[in-house]
Amino acid sequence: MHRNDYGMLPIHILASMCDDVYVCGMVFKVCMGCLYERDRQGRTPLHLAVLRVARRGEEVREE
C-alpha cells in the first residue's frame, strides 16, 4: 500500500479524521489487516482514532 510523506497509510488518515467511536469501529472492522501498521511516529491507526475521539470529547465538554 502507498504511504504519504508522514508514513501514513489510508487507514491512518481515515482514523485520524474520525470523530465518532462507532465510525472508528467500522473502519477497523473493514481494515483489520492494517491495524498494526505504524506511521513514522510509531502510531497505529488505533492510536490516532483514540486521540481524535478523546480530543473531540474535550471540545464537547468545553462547549
N, C-alpha and C. Protein backbone atom coordinates (compact mmCIF):
# COMPACT_ATOMS: atom_id res chain seq x y z
N MET A 1 0.84 -1.19 0.00
CA MET A 1 0.00 0.00 0.00
C MET A 1 0.88 1.24 0.00
N HIS A 2 0.34 2.29 -0.52
CA HIS A 2 1.09 3.54 -0.62
C HIS A 2 1.00 4.36 0.66
N ARG A 3 2.13 4.86 1.10
CA ARG A 3 2.18 5.73 2.28
C ARG A 3 2.41 7.17 1.85
N ASN A 4 1.90 8.12 2.63
CA ASN A 4 2.15 9.52 2.33
C ASN A 4 3.50 9.95 2.91
N ASP A 5 3.82 11.23 2.86
CA ASP A 5 5.12 11.74 3.33
C ASP A 5 5.35 11.52 4.82
N TYR A 6 4.29 11.28 5.58
CA TYR A 6 4.40 11.07 7.02
C TYR A 6 4.42 9.59 7.38
N GLY A 7 4.47 8.73 6.37
CA GLY A 7 4.49 7.29 6.61
C GLY A 7 3.12 6.72 6.92
N MET A 8 2.07 7.48 6.61
CA MET A 8 0.72 7.06 6.94
C MET A 8 0.06 6.35 5.77
N LEU A 9 -0.61 5.24 6.08
CA LEU A 9 -1.44 4.53 5.11
C LEU A 9 -2.82 5.19 5.09
N PRO A 10 -3.65 4.87 4.09
CA PRO A 10 -5.01 5.41 4.10
C PRO A 10 -5.77 5.14 5.40
N ILE A 11 -5.55 3.98 6.03
CA ILE A 11 -6.24 3.67 7.29
C ILE A 11 -5.84 4.65 8.38
N HIS A 12 -4.57 5.06 8.42
CA HIS A 12 -4.14 6.06 9.39
C HIS A 12 -4.89 7.37 9.18
N ILE A 13 -5.01 7.77 7.92
CA ILE A 13 -5.66 9.05 7.60
C ILE A 13 -7.14 8.99 7.97
N LEU A 14 -7.81 7.90 7.60
CA LEU A 14 -9.23 7.76 7.96
C LEU A 14 -9.42 7.79 9.47
N ALA A 15 -8.59 7.06 10.18
CA ALA A 15 -8.72 7.00 11.64
C ALA A 15 -8.47 8.36 12.27
N SER A 16 -7.55 9.13 11.71
CA SER A 16 -7.25 10.44 12.30
C SER A 16 -8.37 11.44 12.06
N MET A 17 -9.27 11.16 11.12
CA MET A 17 -10.36 12.08 10.82
C MET A 17 -11.67 11.70 11.50
N CYS A 18 -11.74 10.51 12.09
CA CYS A 18 -12.98 10.03 12.70
C CYS A 18 -13.27 10.78 13.99
N ASP A 19 -14.47 11.32 14.11
CA ASP A 19 -14.92 11.97 15.33
C ASP A 19 -15.77 11.04 16.18
N ASP A 20 -16.22 9.98 15.60
CA ASP A 20 -17.21 9.13 16.23
C ASP A 20 -16.62 7.75 16.50
N VAL A 21 -16.79 7.27 17.70
CA VAL A 21 -16.26 5.97 18.10
C VAL A 21 -16.84 4.85 17.23
N TYR A 22 -18.09 4.96 16.83
CA TYR A 22 -18.72 3.93 16.02
C TYR A 22 -18.13 3.91 14.61
N VAL A 23 -17.85 5.08 14.07
CA VAL A 23 -17.22 5.16 12.74
C VAL A 23 -15.83 4.53 12.81
N CYS A 24 -15.09 4.83 13.87
CA CYS A 24 -13.76 4.23 14.04
C CYS A 24 -13.88 2.71 14.06
N GLY A 25 -14.86 2.20 14.77
CA GLY A 25 -15.07 0.76 14.85
C GLY A 25 -15.34 0.15 13.48
N MET A 26 -16.16 0.84 12.68
CA MET A 26 -16.44 0.33 11.34
C MET A 26 -15.19 0.33 10.48
N VAL A 27 -14.40 1.40 10.57
CA VAL A 27 -13.15 1.48 9.80
C VAL A 27 -12.26 0.29 10.15
N PHE A 28 -12.14 -0.02 11.44
CA PHE A 28 -11.26 -1.11 11.85
C PHE A 28 -11.78 -2.47 11.43
N LYS A 29 -13.10 -2.65 11.44
CA LYS A 29 -13.65 -3.94 11.01
C LYS A 29 -13.36 -4.18 9.54
N VAL A 30 -13.39 -3.12 8.75
CA VAL A 30 -13.12 -3.24 7.32
C VAL A 30 -11.63 -3.47 7.06
N CYS A 31 -10.78 -2.87 7.85
CA CYS A 31 -9.34 -2.87 7.58
C CYS A 31 -8.53 -3.56 8.67
N MET A 32 -8.99 -4.69 9.16
CA MET A 32 -8.30 -5.36 10.26
C MET A 32 -6.84 -5.67 9.96
N GLY A 33 -6.51 -5.93 8.71
CA GLY A 33 -5.13 -6.26 8.37
C GLY A 33 -4.16 -5.11 8.55
N CYS A 34 -4.67 -3.90 8.63
CA CYS A 34 -3.80 -2.72 8.72
C CYS A 34 -3.67 -2.19 10.15
N LEU A 35 -4.29 -2.85 11.10
CA LEU A 35 -4.32 -2.32 12.47
C LEU A 35 -2.95 -2.12 13.09
N TYR A 36 -1.99 -2.93 12.69
CA TYR A 36 -0.69 -2.86 13.34
C TYR A 36 0.34 -2.10 12.51
N GLU A 37 -0.09 -1.52 11.39
CA GLU A 37 0.81 -0.70 10.58
C GLU A 37 1.10 0.59 11.32
N ARG A 38 2.35 0.96 11.39
CA ARG A 38 2.74 2.17 12.12
C ARG A 38 3.20 3.26 11.17
N ASP A 39 2.89 4.52 11.53
CA ASP A 39 3.41 5.64 10.75
C ASP A 39 4.82 5.95 11.24
N ARG A 40 5.42 7.02 10.75
CA ARG A 40 6.80 7.34 11.12
C ARG A 40 6.98 7.65 12.60
N GLN A 41 5.92 8.08 13.26
CA GLN A 41 6.00 8.37 14.69
C GLN A 41 5.67 7.15 15.54
N GLY A 42 5.46 6.01 14.89
CA GLY A 42 5.20 4.78 15.61
C GLY A 42 3.76 4.59 16.04
N ARG A 43 2.86 5.43 15.54
CA ARG A 43 1.45 5.32 15.93
C ARG A 43 0.70 4.38 14.99
N THR A 44 -0.15 3.57 15.56
CA THR A 44 -1.03 2.72 14.76
C THR A 44 -2.32 3.50 14.50
N PRO A 45 -3.17 3.02 13.57
CA PRO A 45 -4.45 3.68 13.37
C PRO A 45 -5.28 3.77 14.65
N LEU A 46 -5.15 2.78 15.52
CA LEU A 46 -5.90 2.81 16.77
C LEU A 46 -5.46 3.98 17.64
N HIS A 47 -4.15 4.24 17.71
CA HIS A 47 -3.66 5.40 18.46
C HIS A 47 -4.31 6.68 17.93
N LEU A 48 -4.32 6.84 16.61
CA LEU A 48 -4.86 8.06 16.02
C LEU A 48 -6.34 8.22 16.29
N ALA A 49 -7.08 7.12 16.19
CA ALA A 49 -8.52 7.18 16.43
C ALA A 49 -8.82 7.53 17.88
N VAL A 50 -8.11 6.91 18.80
CA VAL A 50 -8.34 7.18 20.22
C VAL A 50 -8.01 8.64 20.53
N LEU A 51 -6.91 9.14 19.99
CA LEU A 51 -6.55 10.54 20.22
C LEU A 51 -7.61 11.48 19.67
N ARG A 52 -8.11 11.18 18.48
CA ARG A 52 -9.12 12.03 17.84
C ARG A 52 -10.41 12.04 18.65
N VAL A 53 -10.87 10.87 19.06
CA VAL A 53 -12.12 10.79 19.84
C VAL A 53 -11.94 11.48 21.18
N ALA A 54 -10.77 11.33 21.80
CA ALA A 54 -10.51 12.00 23.08
C ALA A 54 -10.52 13.51 22.91
N ARG A 55 -9.89 14.01 21.84
CA ARG A 55 -9.90 15.46 21.59
C ARG A 55 -11.31 15.96 21.36
N ARG A 56 -12.10 15.19 20.61
CA ARG A 56 -13.48 15.58 20.32
C ARG A 56 -14.28 15.64 21.62
N GLY A 57 -14.06 14.70 22.52
CA GLY A 57 -14.74 14.70 23.81
C GLY A 57 -14.39 15.92 24.63
N GLU A 58 -13.14 16.36 24.58
CA GLU A 58 -12.73 17.57 25.31
C GLU A 58 -13.40 18.80 24.73
N GLU A 59 -13.52 18.87 23.40
CA GLU A 59 -14.18 20.01 22.76
C GLU A 59 -15.64 20.09 23.16
N VAL A 60 -16.31 18.96 23.22
CA VAL A 60 -17.73 18.92 23.59
C VAL A 60 -17.90 19.37 25.03
N ARG A 61 -17.02 18.93 25.93
CA ARG A 61 -17.12 19.32 27.33
C ARG A 61 -16.91 20.81 27.52
N GLU A 62 -16.03 21.41 26.71
CA GLU A 62 -15.76 22.84 26.84
C GLU A 62 -16.95 23.68 26.41
N GLU A 63 -17.75 23.16 25.46
CA GLU A 63 -18.92 23.90 24.97
C GLU A 63 -19.96 23.87 26.03
